[in-house]
């Protein structure tokens, strides 16, 4: 698996600020086109989970 995907997946429950979550989402989006189809599906799921975590932490959805 792509190191970025596995790194973000491992840290998913440890992100505790809007800035950390936004940086992780940005990193996934920046690399998205370079990922294979399976990795893109994983990245999409991680982005969804990060968006949900952002709502839990801040009470606000990403813009």
N, C-alpha and C. Protein backbone atom coordinates (compact mmCIF):
# COMPACT_ATOMS: atom_id res chain seq x y z
N UNK A 1 0.85 -1.19 0.00
CA UNK A 1 0.00 0.00 0.00
C UNK A 1 0.89 1.24 0.00
N UNK A 2 0.38 2.26 -0.58
CA UNK A 2 1.06 3.55 -0.63
C UNK A 2 1.39 4.02 0.79
N UNK A 3 2.63 4.48 1.03
CA UNK A 3 3.02 4.91 2.38
C UNK A 3 2.17 6.05 2.94
N UNK A 4 1.74 6.95 2.09
CA UNK A 4 0.89 8.05 2.55
C UNK A 4 -0.45 7.51 3.06
N UNK A 5 -1.03 6.59 2.29
CA UNK A 5 -2.31 6.02 2.70
C UNK A 5 -2.19 5.28 4.02
N UNK A 6 -1.18 4.44 4.13
CA UNK A 6 -1.03 3.67 5.37
C UNK A 6 -0.71 4.58 6.55
N UNK A 7 0.10 5.61 6.33
CA UNK A 7 0.44 6.55 7.41
C UNK A 7 -0.78 7.29 7.92
N UNK A 8 -1.60 7.76 7.00
CA UNK A 8 -2.81 8.48 7.41
C UNK A 8 -3.80 7.53 8.06
N UNK A 9 -3.93 6.32 7.53
CA UNK A 9 -4.84 5.34 8.12
C UNK A 9 -4.42 5.01 9.55
N UNK A 10 -3.13 4.88 9.80
CA UNK A 10 -2.64 4.57 11.14
C UNK A 10 -2.91 5.70 12.12
N UNK A 11 -2.88 6.94 11.65
CA UNK A 11 -3.04 8.11 12.52
C UNK A 11 -4.47 8.63 12.58
N UNK A 12 -5.37 8.01 11.84
CA UNK A 12 -6.72 8.53 11.67
C UNK A 12 -7.39 8.96 12.97
N UNK A 13 -7.32 8.14 13.97
CA UNK A 13 -7.99 8.46 15.24
C UNK A 13 -7.18 9.39 16.13
N UNK A 14 -5.99 9.75 15.70
CA UNK A 14 -5.14 10.63 16.51
C UNK A 14 -5.17 12.08 16.05
N UNK A 15 -5.76 12.34 14.88
CA UNK A 15 -5.85 13.72 14.43
C UNK A 15 -6.76 14.47 15.39
N UNK A 16 -6.26 15.58 15.91
CA UNK A 16 -7.03 16.28 16.93
C UNK A 16 -7.28 17.76 16.63
N UNK A 17 -6.87 18.20 15.45
CA UNK A 17 -7.12 19.61 15.11
C UNK A 17 -7.54 19.73 13.65
N UNK A 18 -8.20 20.82 13.38
CA UNK A 18 -8.65 21.12 12.02
C UNK A 18 -7.45 21.17 11.07
N UNK A 19 -6.35 21.73 11.53
CA UNK A 19 -5.16 21.87 10.70
C UNK A 19 -4.56 20.52 10.33
N UNK A 20 -4.50 19.61 11.29
CA UNK A 20 -3.97 18.26 11.02
C UNK A 20 -4.84 17.53 10.01
N UNK A 21 -6.14 17.62 10.19
CA UNK A 21 -7.06 16.94 9.29
C UNK A 21 -6.99 17.55 7.90
N UNK A 22 -6.97 18.87 7.81
CA UNK A 22 -6.89 19.54 6.52
C UNK A 22 -5.60 19.17 5.79
N UNK A 23 -4.49 19.08 6.51
CA UNK A 23 -3.22 18.71 5.90
C UNK A 23 -3.27 17.29 5.36
N UNK A 24 -3.88 16.39 6.11
CA UNK A 24 -4.00 14.99 5.67
C UNK A 24 -4.88 14.90 4.42
N UNK A 25 -5.99 15.61 4.42
CA UNK A 25 -6.88 15.61 3.25
C UNK A 25 -6.15 16.20 2.04
N UNK A 26 -5.45 17.30 2.24
CA UNK A 26 -4.69 17.92 1.15
C UNK A 26 -3.67 16.95 0.57
N UNK A 27 -2.98 16.23 1.44
CA UNK A 27 -1.98 15.27 0.99
C UNK A 27 -2.62 14.16 0.16
N UNK A 28 -3.75 13.66 0.61
CA UNK A 28 -4.46 12.62 -0.15
C UNK A 28 -4.93 13.15 -1.50
N UNK A 29 -5.48 14.35 -1.51
CA UNK A 29 -5.96 14.94 -2.76
C UNK A 29 -4.81 15.23 -3.72
N UNK A 30 -3.68 15.68 -3.20
CA UNK A 30 -2.52 15.96 -4.05
C UNK A 30 -2.00 14.71 -4.74
N UNK A 31 -2.05 13.58 -4.06
CA UNK A 31 -1.51 12.34 -4.61
C UNK A 31 -2.55 11.50 -5.35
N UNK A 32 -3.79 11.90 -5.31
CA UNK A 32 -4.89 11.07 -5.80
C UNK A 32 -4.68 10.57 -7.23
N UNK A 33 -4.33 11.44 -8.15
CA UNK A 33 -4.20 11.04 -9.56
C UNK A 33 -3.05 10.07 -9.79
N UNK A 34 -2.07 10.05 -8.92
CA UNK A 34 -0.92 9.15 -9.06
C UNK A 34 -1.20 7.76 -8.48
N UNK A 35 -2.31 7.61 -7.78
CA UNK A 35 -2.65 6.34 -7.15
C UNK A 35 -3.34 5.41 -8.14
N UNK A 36 -3.19 4.11 -7.92
CA UNK A 36 -3.92 3.16 -8.76
C UNK A 36 -5.38 3.14 -8.31
N UNK A 37 -6.21 2.40 -9.02
CA UNK A 37 -7.66 2.42 -8.77
C UNK A 37 -8.01 1.98 -7.35
N UNK A 38 -7.39 0.93 -6.87
CA UNK A 38 -7.67 0.44 -5.52
C UNK A 38 -7.24 1.47 -4.48
N UNK A 39 -6.06 2.04 -4.68
CA UNK A 39 -5.57 3.07 -3.74
C UNK A 39 -6.47 4.31 -3.78
N UNK A 40 -7.00 4.65 -4.94
CA UNK A 40 -7.92 5.79 -5.03
C UNK A 40 -9.18 5.53 -4.20
N UNK A 41 -9.68 4.30 -4.25
CA UNK A 41 -10.85 3.96 -3.44
C UNK A 41 -10.54 4.09 -1.96
N UNK A 42 -9.35 3.65 -1.57
CA UNK A 42 -8.93 3.77 -0.17
C UNK A 42 -8.81 5.25 0.21
N UNK A 43 -8.21 6.04 -0.67
CA UNK A 43 -8.04 7.47 -0.41
C UNK A 43 -9.40 8.15 -0.26
N UNK A 44 -10.36 7.78 -1.11
CA UNK A 44 -11.70 8.36 -1.01
C UNK A 44 -12.33 8.03 0.34
N UNK A 45 -12.16 6.80 0.78
CA UNK A 45 -12.72 6.38 2.08
C UNK A 45 -12.04 7.13 3.22
N UNK A 46 -10.72 7.28 3.12
CA UNK A 46 -9.99 8.02 4.16
C UNK A 46 -10.44 9.48 4.20
N UNK A 47 -10.65 10.09 3.04
CA UNK A 47 -11.11 11.48 3.00
C UNK A 47 -12.48 11.59 3.66
N UNK A 48 -13.36 10.63 3.38
CA UNK A 48 -14.68 10.63 4.01
C UNK A 48 -14.57 10.52 5.53
N UNK A 49 -13.72 9.61 5.99
CA UNK A 49 -13.52 9.44 7.43
C UNK A 49 -12.91 10.70 8.06
N UNK A 50 -11.98 11.32 7.36
CA UNK A 50 -11.37 12.56 7.87
C UNK A 50 -12.41 13.68 7.93
N UNK A 51 -13.26 13.76 6.90
CA UNK A 51 -14.34 14.76 6.93
C UNK A 51 -15.25 14.53 8.13
N UNK A 52 -15.58 13.28 8.41
CA UNK A 52 -16.43 12.97 9.56
C UNK A 52 -15.73 13.33 10.86
N UNK A 53 -14.45 13.06 10.94
CA UNK A 53 -13.68 13.39 12.14
C UNK A 53 -13.64 14.91 12.34
N UNK A 54 -13.50 15.63 11.25
CA UNK A 54 -13.49 17.09 11.32
C UNK A 54 -14.80 17.61 11.91
N UNK A 55 -15.91 17.03 11.50
CA UNK A 55 -17.21 17.45 12.04
C UNK A 55 -17.28 17.14 13.53
N UNK A 56 -16.80 15.99 13.94
CA UNK A 56 -16.81 15.62 15.37
C UNK A 56 -15.98 16.58 16.18
N UNK A 57 -14.79 16.93 15.67
CA UNK A 57 -13.86 17.78 16.42
C UNK A 57 -14.31 19.24 16.43
N UNK A 58 -14.73 19.75 15.27
CA UNK A 58 -15.02 21.18 15.17
C UNK A 58 -16.51 21.53 15.15
N UNK A 59 -17.33 20.52 14.81
CA UNK A 59 -18.75 20.79 14.67
C UNK A 59 -19.10 21.41 13.33
N UNK A 60 -18.11 21.50 12.44
CA UNK A 60 -18.32 22.15 11.15
C UNK A 60 -17.74 21.27 10.05
N UNK A 61 -18.47 21.19 8.93
CA UNK A 61 -17.98 20.42 7.77
C UNK A 61 -16.92 21.23 7.01
N UNK A 62 -16.13 20.50 6.26
CA UNK A 62 -15.09 21.14 5.42
C UNK A 62 -15.76 21.93 4.32
N UNK A 63 -15.14 23.02 3.96
CA UNK A 63 -15.68 23.90 2.90
C UNK A 63 -15.44 23.33 1.54
